[in-house]
Amino acid sequence: MRPGIHPESRPVVFRDRAADALFLTRSTATASKTIEWRDGNTYPLIDVEISSAGHPVYTGRARVVDSAGRVERFERRYGRQAALRG
């Protein structure tokens, strides 16, 4: 790597406001707020709207859309010929 062209990576705490979860990780993001972590050190704090702690796909609360069922319902309602013409 060429020196001086990459942003500095440092420990940062991300707070998921929706799930009330905190994550300590490395990032190049800047923050104006700080928080004291469990280890006693103070880290920059970045608030995020959604993370893996609150996202339905990761928490198992995701709804699966049944597109095949909608197609079958359309064909029952309007007939197979309407589906082939349109």
C-alpha atoms as a PDB file:
ATOM      1  CA  MET A   1       0.000   0.000   0.000  1.00  0.00           C
ATOM      2  CA  ARG A   2       1.157   3.508  -0.718  1.00  0.00           C
ATOM      3  CA  PRO A   3       1.542   5.547   2.468  1.00  0.00           C
ATOM      4  CA  GLY A   4      -0.664   8.562   3.060  1.00  0.00           C
ATOM      5  CA  ILE A   5      -3.551   7.722   0.704  1.00  0.00           C
ATOM      6  CA  HIS A   6      -5.726   5.567   2.961  1.00  0.00           C
ATOM      7  CA  PRO A   7      -7.956   6.925   5.762  1.00  0.00           C
ATOM      8  CA  GLU A   8      -7.056   6.018   9.323  1.00  0.00           C
ATOM      9  CA  SER A   9      -8.946   3.027  10.731  1.00  0.00           C
ATOM     10  CA  ARG A  10      -9.665   3.100  14.465  1.00  0.00           C
ATOM     11  CA  PRO A  11     -12.067   1.549  17.002  1.00  0.00           C
ATOM     12  CA  VAL A  12     -15.562   3.046  16.799  1.00  0.00           C
ATOM     13  CA  VAL A  13     -18.809   2.178  18.610  1.00  0.00           C
ATOM     14  CA  PHE A  14     -21.946   1.910  16.466  1.00  0.00           C
ATOM     15  CA  ARG A  15     -25.294   2.221  18.269  1.00  0.00           C
ATOM     16  CA  ASP A  16     -28.428   0.780  16.663  1.00  0.00           C
ATOM     17  CA  ARG A  17     -31.152   3.104  17.911  1.00  0.00           C
ATOM     18  CA  ALA A  18     -34.021   0.772  16.951  1.00  0.00           C
ATOM     19  CA  ALA A  19     -32.648  -2.363  18.643  1.00  0.00           C
ATOM     20  CA  ASP A  20     -30.783  -0.548  21.434  1.00  0.00           C
ATOM     21  CA  ALA A  21     -27.589  -2.475  20.630  1.00  0.00           C
ATOM     22  CA  LEU A  22     -23.950  -1.390  20.691  1.00  0.00           C
ATOM     23  CA  PHE A  23     -21.113  -2.722  18.500  1.00  0.00           C
ATOM     24  CA  LEU A  24     -17.410  -2.003  18.901  1.00  0.00           C
ATOM     25  CA  THR A  25     -15.583  -2.388  15.604  1.00  0.00           C
ATOM     26  CA  ARG A  26     -12.980  -0.683  13.451  1.00  0.00           C
ATOM     27  CA  SER A  27     -14.015   2.041  11.031  1.00  0.00           C
ATOM     28  CA  THR A  28     -12.780   5.077   9.156  1.00  0.00           C
ATOM     29  CA  ALA A  29     -16.009   6.983   9.933  1.00  0.00           C
ATOM     30  CA  THR A  30     -15.792  10.159  11.979  1.00  0.00           C
ATOM     31  CA  ALA A  31     -18.061  11.028  14.896  1.00  0.00           C
ATOM     32  CA  SER A  32     -18.757  14.064  17.044  1.00  0.00           C
ATOM     33  CA  LYS A  33     -20.071  12.072  20.037  1.00  0.00           C
ATOM     34  CA  THR A  34     -18.150   9.682  22.297  1.00  0.00           C
ATOM     35  CA  ILE A  35     -19.102   6.868  24.661  1.00  0.00           C
ATOM     36  CA  GLU A  36     -17.298   5.010  27.425  1.00  0.00           C
ATOM     37  CA  TRP A  37     -17.117   1.321  26.521  1.00  0.00           C
ATOM     38  CA  ARG A  38     -17.176  -1.679  28.878  1.00  0.00           C
ATOM     39  CA  ASP A  39     -13.365  -1.792  28.966  1.00  0.00           C
ATOM     40  CA  GLY A  40     -13.217   1.742  30.417  1.00  0.00           C
ATOM     41  CA  ASN A  41     -11.913   3.377  27.210  1.00  0.00           C
ATOM     42  CA  THR A  42     -13.719   6.200  25.422  1.00  0.00           C
ATOM     43  CA  TYR A  43     -14.543   5.661  21.725  1.00  0.00           C
ATOM     44  CA  PRO A  44     -16.282   7.712  19.026  1.00  0.00           C
ATOM     45  CA  LEU A  45     -20.028   6.940  18.828  1.00  0.00           C
ATOM     46  CA  ILE A  46     -21.988   6.691  15.590  1.00  0.00           C
ATOM     47  CA  ASP A  47     -25.780   6.238  15.668  1.00  0.00           C
ATOM     48  CA  VAL A  48     -27.280   4.066  12.919  1.00  0.00           C
ATOM     49  CA  GLU A  49     -30.925   3.468  12.016  1.00  0.00           C
ATOM     50  CA  ILE A  50     -30.659  -0.278  11.405  1.00  0.00           C
ATOM     51  CA  SER A  51     -28.095  -3.019  11.965  1.00  0.00           C
ATOM     52  CA  SER A  52     -28.009  -6.799  12.121  1.00  0.00           C
ATOM     53  CA  ALA A  53     -29.393  -6.596  15.686  1.00  0.00           C
ATOM     54  CA  GLY A  54     -32.704  -5.155  14.520  1.00  0.00           C
ATOM     55  CA  HIS A  55     -32.993  -6.035  10.823  1.00  0.00           C
ATOM     56  CA  PRO A  56     -35.796  -8.553  10.124  1.00  0.00           C
ATOM     57  CA  VAL A  57     -33.614 -10.711   7.875  1.00  0.00           C
ATOM     58  CA  TYR A  58     -31.055 -11.274  10.638  1.00  0.00           C
ATOM     59  CA  THR A  59     -33.520 -11.568  13.510  1.00  0.00           C
ATOM     60  CA  GLY A  60     -35.766 -14.130  11.785  1.00  0.00           C
ATOM     61  CA  ARG A  61     -38.802 -11.830  11.638  1.00  0.00           C
ATOM     62  CA  ALA A  62     -38.676 -11.406   7.863  1.00  0.00           C
ATOM     63  CA  ARG A  63     -41.836 -12.035   5.896  1.00  0.00           C
ATOM     64  CA  VAL A  64     -41.569 -14.048   2.712  1.00  0.00           C
ATOM     65  CA  VAL A  65     -43.687 -12.697  -0.125  1.00  0.00           C
ATOM     66  CA  ASP A  66     -45.450 -15.513  -1.930  1.00  0.00           C
ATOM     67  CA  SER A  67     -45.273 -14.392  -5.546  1.00  0.00           C
ATOM     68  CA  ALA A  68     -46.312 -17.826  -6.862  1.00  0.00           C
ATOM     69  CA  GLY A  69     -49.482 -17.679  -4.792  1.00  0.00           C
ATOM     70  CA  ARG A  70     -50.318 -14.265  -6.211  1.00  0.00           C
ATOM     71  CA  VAL A  71     -49.865 -15.544  -9.773  1.00  0.00           C
ATOM     72  CA  GLU A  72     -52.108 -18.515  -9.079  1.00  0.00           C
ATOM     73  CA  ARG A  73     -54.738 -16.245  -7.515  1.00  0.00           C
ATOM     74  CA  PHE A  74     -54.610 -13.973 -10.573  1.00  0.00           C
ATOM     75  CA  GLU A  75     -55.057 -16.955 -12.916  1.00  0.00           C
ATOM     76  CA  ARG A  76     -58.015 -18.260 -10.882  1.00  0.00           C
ATOM     77  CA  ARG A  77     -59.645 -14.852 -10.852  1.00  0.00           C
ATOM     78  CA  TYR A  78     -59.109 -13.855 -14.470  1.00  0.00           C
ATOM     79  CA  GLY A  79     -58.404 -17.193 -16.122  1.00  0.00           C
ATOM     80  CA  ARG A  80     -55.329 -18.549 -17.783  1.00  0.00           C
ATOM     81  CA  GLN A  81     -56.076 -16.827 -21.101  1.00  0.00           C
ATOM     82  CA  ALA A  82     -55.989 -13.354 -19.569  1.00  0.00           C
ATOM     83  CA  ALA A  83     -52.546 -14.096 -18.166  1.00  0.00           C
ATOM     84  CA  LEU A  84     -51.265 -15.245 -21.570  1.00  0.00           C
ATOM     85  CA  ARG A  85     -52.705 -12.238 -23.483  1.00  0.00           C
ATOM     86  CA  GLY A  86     -51.559  -9.486 -21.122  1.00  0.00           C
END
